[in-house]
Amino acid sequence: MNAQSHRRAEPTRDDARPAAGKWTTVSGATAVFFVLFLLIQTGVPLIRLWSPRPARFGWQMFSAIPERPRFTLVLRDGTTRPVNLGLYVGQSRGEVNLANALPGHLCRVVPDIVSVRITAPGWKQPRVYRCL
C-alpha cells in the first residue's frame, strides 16, 4: 500500500457544517434576537392601539390627527382676536401639545398682548395664559 493511502482525508467545507437540524450557539442567538425583535416591533404598537391617540410608538402615531385647541389673543385695549395657527406653526403634529407650547411664544412675538385664551375639546372651561 501506498503511504498516502493510509492518511485521513482532510475535512471538506461540507464536513465542517453541523448536521441538519442542529443549532449552533450563533444560529440560536440569531434566532432568539430575530424573534424578540419581531415581538417588540409588533407587540408595542399593538398594545398602544388601546391608548389615547395619538399614542407614542403606536401605528396611528402620525395618522391620528387630534382636534387642535383654539387660541384667542386678548390685547391691552380689551379686544380679542383668534390666532391663525398657520402663521406660528409650520407643520402641526399630533404629539406636540400646542396648549403648552404656543402661548408663551405668542406672548413673546405678538405686541400688546395681555393673555392667551385656550379652548380645547374636552375642557369644561377655557384656560387663560397670562403674559408677563
C-alpha atoms as a PDB file:
ATOM      1  CA  MET A   1       0.000   0.000   0.000  1.00  0.00           C
ATOM      2  CA  ASN A   2       0.972   3.451  -0.676  1.00  0.00           C
ATOM      3  CA  ALA A   3       1.884   5.766   2.252  1.00  0.00           C
ATOM      4  CA  GLN A   4      -0.544   8.333   1.034  1.00  0.00           C
ATOM      5  CA  SER A   5      -3.471   5.921   1.001  1.00  0.00           C
ATOM      6  CA  HIS A   6      -3.341   5.491   4.821  1.00  0.00           C
ATOM      7  CA  ARG A   7      -3.692   9.184   5.575  1.00  0.00           C
ATOM      8  CA  ARG A   8      -7.022  10.515   6.666  1.00  0.00           C
ATOM      9  CA  ALA A   9      -8.754  12.724   4.189  1.00  0.00           C
ATOM     10  CA  GLU A  10      -8.835  16.402   5.072  1.00  0.00           C
ATOM     11  CA  PRO A  11     -12.322  17.557   6.039  1.00  0.00           C
ATOM     12  CA  THR A  12     -14.075  19.398   3.277  1.00  0.00           C
ATOM     13  CA  ARG A  13     -16.113  22.500   3.780  1.00  0.00           C
ATOM     14  CA  ASP A  14     -19.342  20.478   3.889  1.00  0.00           C
ATOM     15  CA  ASP A  15     -17.955  18.269   6.682  1.00  0.00           C
ATOM     16  CA  ALA A  16     -17.380  21.361   8.907  1.00  0.00           C
ATOM     17  CA  ARG A  17     -21.079  22.252   8.957  1.00  0.00           C
ATOM     18  CA  PRO A  18     -23.300  20.941  11.767  1.00  0.00           C
ATOM     19  CA  ALA A  19     -25.698  18.171  10.930  1.00  0.00           C
ATOM     20  CA  ALA A  20     -29.103  19.198   9.667  1.00  0.00           C
ATOM     21  CA  GLY A  21     -31.486  20.163  12.452  1.00  0.00           C
ATOM     22  CA  LYS A  22     -28.761  21.006  14.983  1.00  0.00           C
ATOM     23  CA  TRP A  23     -28.428  24.545  16.283  1.00  0.00           C
ATOM     24  CA  THR A  24     -25.117  26.216  16.899  1.00  0.00           C
ATOM     25  CA  THR A  25     -24.710  28.923  19.510  1.00  0.00           C
ATOM     26  CA  VAL A  26     -24.566  31.613  16.832  1.00  0.00           C
ATOM     27  CA  SER A  27     -27.625  30.388  14.931  1.00  0.00           C
ATOM     28  CA  GLY A  28     -29.590  30.009  18.184  1.00  0.00           C
ATOM     29  CA  ALA A  29     -28.661  33.514  19.342  1.00  0.00           C
ATOM     30  CA  THR A  30     -29.559  34.894  15.914  1.00  0.00           C
ATOM     31  CA  ALA A  31     -32.964  33.202  16.001  1.00  0.00           C
ATOM     32  CA  VAL A  32     -33.693  34.463  19.532  1.00  0.00           C
ATOM     33  CA  PHE A  33     -32.689  38.014  18.561  1.00  0.00           C
ATOM     34  CA  PHE A  34     -34.868  37.867  15.443  1.00  0.00           C
ATOM     35  CA  VAL A  35     -37.926  36.609  17.336  1.00  0.00           C
ATOM     36  CA  LEU A  36     -37.500  39.209  20.116  1.00  0.00           C
ATOM     37  CA  PHE A  37     -37.071  41.954  17.538  1.00  0.00           C
ATOM     38  CA  LEU A  38     -40.281  40.945  15.763  1.00  0.00           C
ATOM     39  CA  LEU A  39     -42.186  40.718  19.049  1.00  0.00           C
ATOM     40  CA  ILE A  40     -41.118  44.221  20.070  1.00  0.00           C
ATOM     41  CA  GLN A  41     -41.771  45.707  16.628  1.00  0.00           C
ATOM     42  CA  THR A  42     -45.302  44.321  16.516  1.00  0.00           C
ATOM     43  CA  GLY A  43     -46.183  43.961  20.206  1.00  0.00           C
ATOM     44  CA  VAL A  44     -45.543  47.523  21.371  1.00  0.00           C
ATOM     45  CA  PRO A  45     -47.645  49.202  18.633  1.00  0.00           C
ATOM     46  CA  LEU A  46     -50.352  46.576  19.098  1.00  0.00           C
ATOM     47  CA  ILE A  47     -50.589  47.337  22.822  1.00  0.00           C
ATOM     48  CA  ARG A  48     -50.539  51.095  22.120  1.00  0.00           C
ATOM     49  CA  LEU A  49     -53.622  50.780  19.868  1.00  0.00           C
ATOM     50  CA  TRP A  50     -55.785  50.998  23.003  1.00  0.00           C
ATOM     51  CA  SER A  51     -54.030  54.108  24.374  1.00  0.00           C
ATOM     52  CA  PRO A  52     -55.398  57.622  23.904  1.00  0.00           C
ATOM     53  CA  ARG A  53     -54.480  58.820  20.456  1.00  0.00           C
ATOM     54  CA  PRO A  54     -52.041  59.751  19.148  1.00  0.00           C
ATOM     55  CA  ALA A  55     -50.047  57.218  21.173  1.00  0.00           C
ATOM     56  CA  ARG A  56     -46.286  57.361  21.095  1.00  0.00           C
ATOM     57  CA  PHE A  57     -44.848  54.286  19.340  1.00  0.00           C
ATOM     58  CA  GLY A  58     -48.330  53.368  18.109  1.00  0.00           C
ATOM     59  CA  TRP A  59     -49.155  52.631  14.488  1.00  0.00           C
ATOM     60  CA  GLN A  60     -51.586  55.527  14.486  1.00  0.00           C
ATOM     61  CA  MET A  61     -48.992  57.996  15.798  1.00  0.00           C
ATOM     62  CA  PHE A  62     -48.909  60.087  12.637  1.00  0.00           C
ATOM     63  CA  SER A  63     -52.242  59.087  11.168  1.00  0.00           C
ATOM     64  CA  ALA A  64     -54.467  60.220  14.026  1.00  0.00           C
ATOM     65  CA  ILE A  65     -55.000  63.949  13.919  1.00  0.00           C
ATOM     66  CA  PRO A  66     -56.426  65.136  17.208  1.00  0.00           C
ATOM     67  CA  GLU A  67     -58.678  68.140  17.293  1.00  0.00           C
ATOM     68  CA  ARG A  68     -56.430  71.124  17.901  1.00  0.00           C
ATOM     69  CA  PRO A  69     -57.091  73.695  20.585  1.00  0.00           C
ATOM     70  CA  ARG A  70     -58.249  77.164  19.574  1.00  0.00           C
ATOM     71  CA  PHE A  71     -56.327  80.213  20.739  1.00  0.00           C
ATOM     72  CA  THR A  72     -57.692  83.713  21.226  1.00  0.00           C
ATOM     73  CA  LEU A  73     -55.459  86.705  21.914  1.00  0.00           C
ATOM     74  CA  VAL A  74     -56.591  89.288  24.458  1.00  0.00           C
ATOM     75  CA  LEU A  75     -54.989  92.663  23.716  1.00  0.00           C
ATOM     76  CA  ARG A  76     -54.305  95.613  26.056  1.00  0.00           C
ATOM     77  CA  ASP A  77     -57.284  97.573  24.756  1.00  0.00           C
ATOM     78  CA  GLY A  78     -59.584  94.648  25.676  1.00  0.00           C
ATOM     79  CA  THR A  79     -60.202  93.422  22.138  1.00  0.00           C
ATOM     80  CA  THR A  80     -59.804  89.790  21.227  1.00  0.00           C
ATOM     81  CA  ARG A  81     -58.746  88.145  18.019  1.00  0.00           C
ATOM     82  CA  PRO A  82     -58.441  84.491  17.033  1.00  0.00           C
ATOM     83  CA  VAL A  83     -54.997  83.103  16.274  1.00  0.00           C
ATOM     84  CA  ASN A  84     -54.226  81.806  12.794  1.00  0.00           C
ATOM     85  CA  LEU A  85     -52.098  78.770  13.703  1.00  0.00           C
ATOM     86  CA  GLY A  86     -50.614  78.654  10.203  1.00  0.00           C
ATOM     87  CA  LEU A  87     -48.660  81.831  10.998  1.00  0.00           C
ATOM     88  CA  TYR A  88     -46.937  80.264  14.018  1.00  0.00           C
ATOM     89  CA  VAL A  89     -46.912  76.506  13.444  1.00  0.00           C
ATOM     90  CA  GLY A  90     -45.360  75.244  10.202  1.00  0.00           C
ATOM     91  CA  GLN A  91     -46.289  71.569  10.356  1.00  0.00           C
ATOM     92  CA  SER A  92     -48.693  70.772  13.168  1.00  0.00           C
ATOM     93  CA  ARG A  93     -48.122  67.287  14.506  1.00  0.00           C
ATOM     94  CA  GLY A  94     -50.417  65.412  16.846  1.00  0.00           C
ATOM     95  CA  GLU A  95     -47.828  64.612  19.501  1.00  0.00           C
ATOM     96  CA  VAL A  96     -46.973  68.287  20.101  1.00  0.00           C
ATOM     97  CA  ASN A  97     -49.138  69.753  22.847  1.00  0.00           C
ATOM     98  CA  LEU A  98     -49.869  73.195  21.395  1.00  0.00           C
ATOM     99  CA  ALA A  99     -51.784  74.266  24.512  1.00  0.00           C
ATOM    100  CA  ASN A 100     -48.486  74.083  26.443  1.00  0.00           C
ATOM    101  CA  ALA A 101     -46.046  75.125  23.729  1.00  0.00           C
ATOM    102  CA  LEU A 102     -47.696  78.017  21.898  1.00  0.00           C
ATOM    103  CA  PRO A 103     -48.978  80.584  24.466  1.00  0.00           C
ATOM    104  CA  GLY A 104     -45.507  81.567  25.718  1.00  0.00           C
ATOM    105  CA  HIS A 105     -44.326  82.059  22.152  1.00  0.00           C
ATOM    106  CA  LEU A 106     -47.361  84.164  21.294  1.00  0.00           C
ATOM    107  CA  CYS A 107     -46.662  86.393  24.306  1.00  0.00           C
ATOM    108  CA  ARG A 108     -43.118  86.978  23.059  1.00  0.00           C
ATOM    109  CA  VAL A 109     -43.893  87.730  19.412  1.00  0.00           C
ATOM    110  CA  VAL A 110     -47.285  89.479  19.382  1.00  0.00           C
ATOM    111  CA  PRO A 111     -47.166  93.121  20.524  1.00  0.00           C
ATOM    112  CA  ASP A 112     -49.735  94.496  23.035  1.00  0.00           C
ATOM    113  CA  ILE A 113     -50.901  91.066  24.159  1.00  0.00           C
ATOM    114  CA  VAL A 114     -52.133  90.609  27.725  1.00  0.00           C
ATOM    115  CA  SER A 115     -53.185  86.959  27.695  1.00  0.00           C
ATOM    116  CA  VAL A 116     -53.970  83.963  25.533  1.00  0.00           C
ATOM    117  CA  ARG A 117     -57.289  82.162  25.952  1.00  0.00           C
ATOM    118  CA  ILE A 118     -57.080  78.464  25.073  1.00  0.00           C
ATOM    119  CA  THR A 119     -60.169  76.402  24.284  1.00  0.00           C
ATOM    120  CA  ALA A 120     -59.683  72.688  23.659  1.00  0.00           C
ATOM    121  CA  PRO A 121     -62.061  69.791  23.070  1.00  0.00           C
ATOM    122  CA  GLY A 122     -62.885  68.041  26.321  1.00  0.00           C
ATOM    123  CA  TRP A 123     -62.175  71.069  28.517  1.00  0.00           C
ATOM    124  CA  LYS A 124     -65.118  72.420  30.508  1.00  0.00           C
ATOM    125  CA  GLN A 125     -63.766  75.960  30.532  1.00  0.00           C
ATOM    126  CA  PRO A 126     -61.143  77.811  28.534  1.00  0.00           C
ATOM    127  CA  ARG A 127     -57.736  78.220  30.138  1.00  0.00           C
ATOM    128  CA  VAL A 128     -56.033  81.594  30.278  1.00  0.00           C
ATOM    129  CA  TYR A 129     -52.292  82.046  29.893  1.00  0.00           C
ATOM    130  CA  ARG A 130     -51.250  85.454  31.268  1.00  0.00           C
ATOM    131  CA  CYS A 131     -48.329  87.179  29.623  1.00  0.00           C
ATOM    132  CA  LEU A 132     -45.736  88.775  31.861  1.00  0.00           C
END
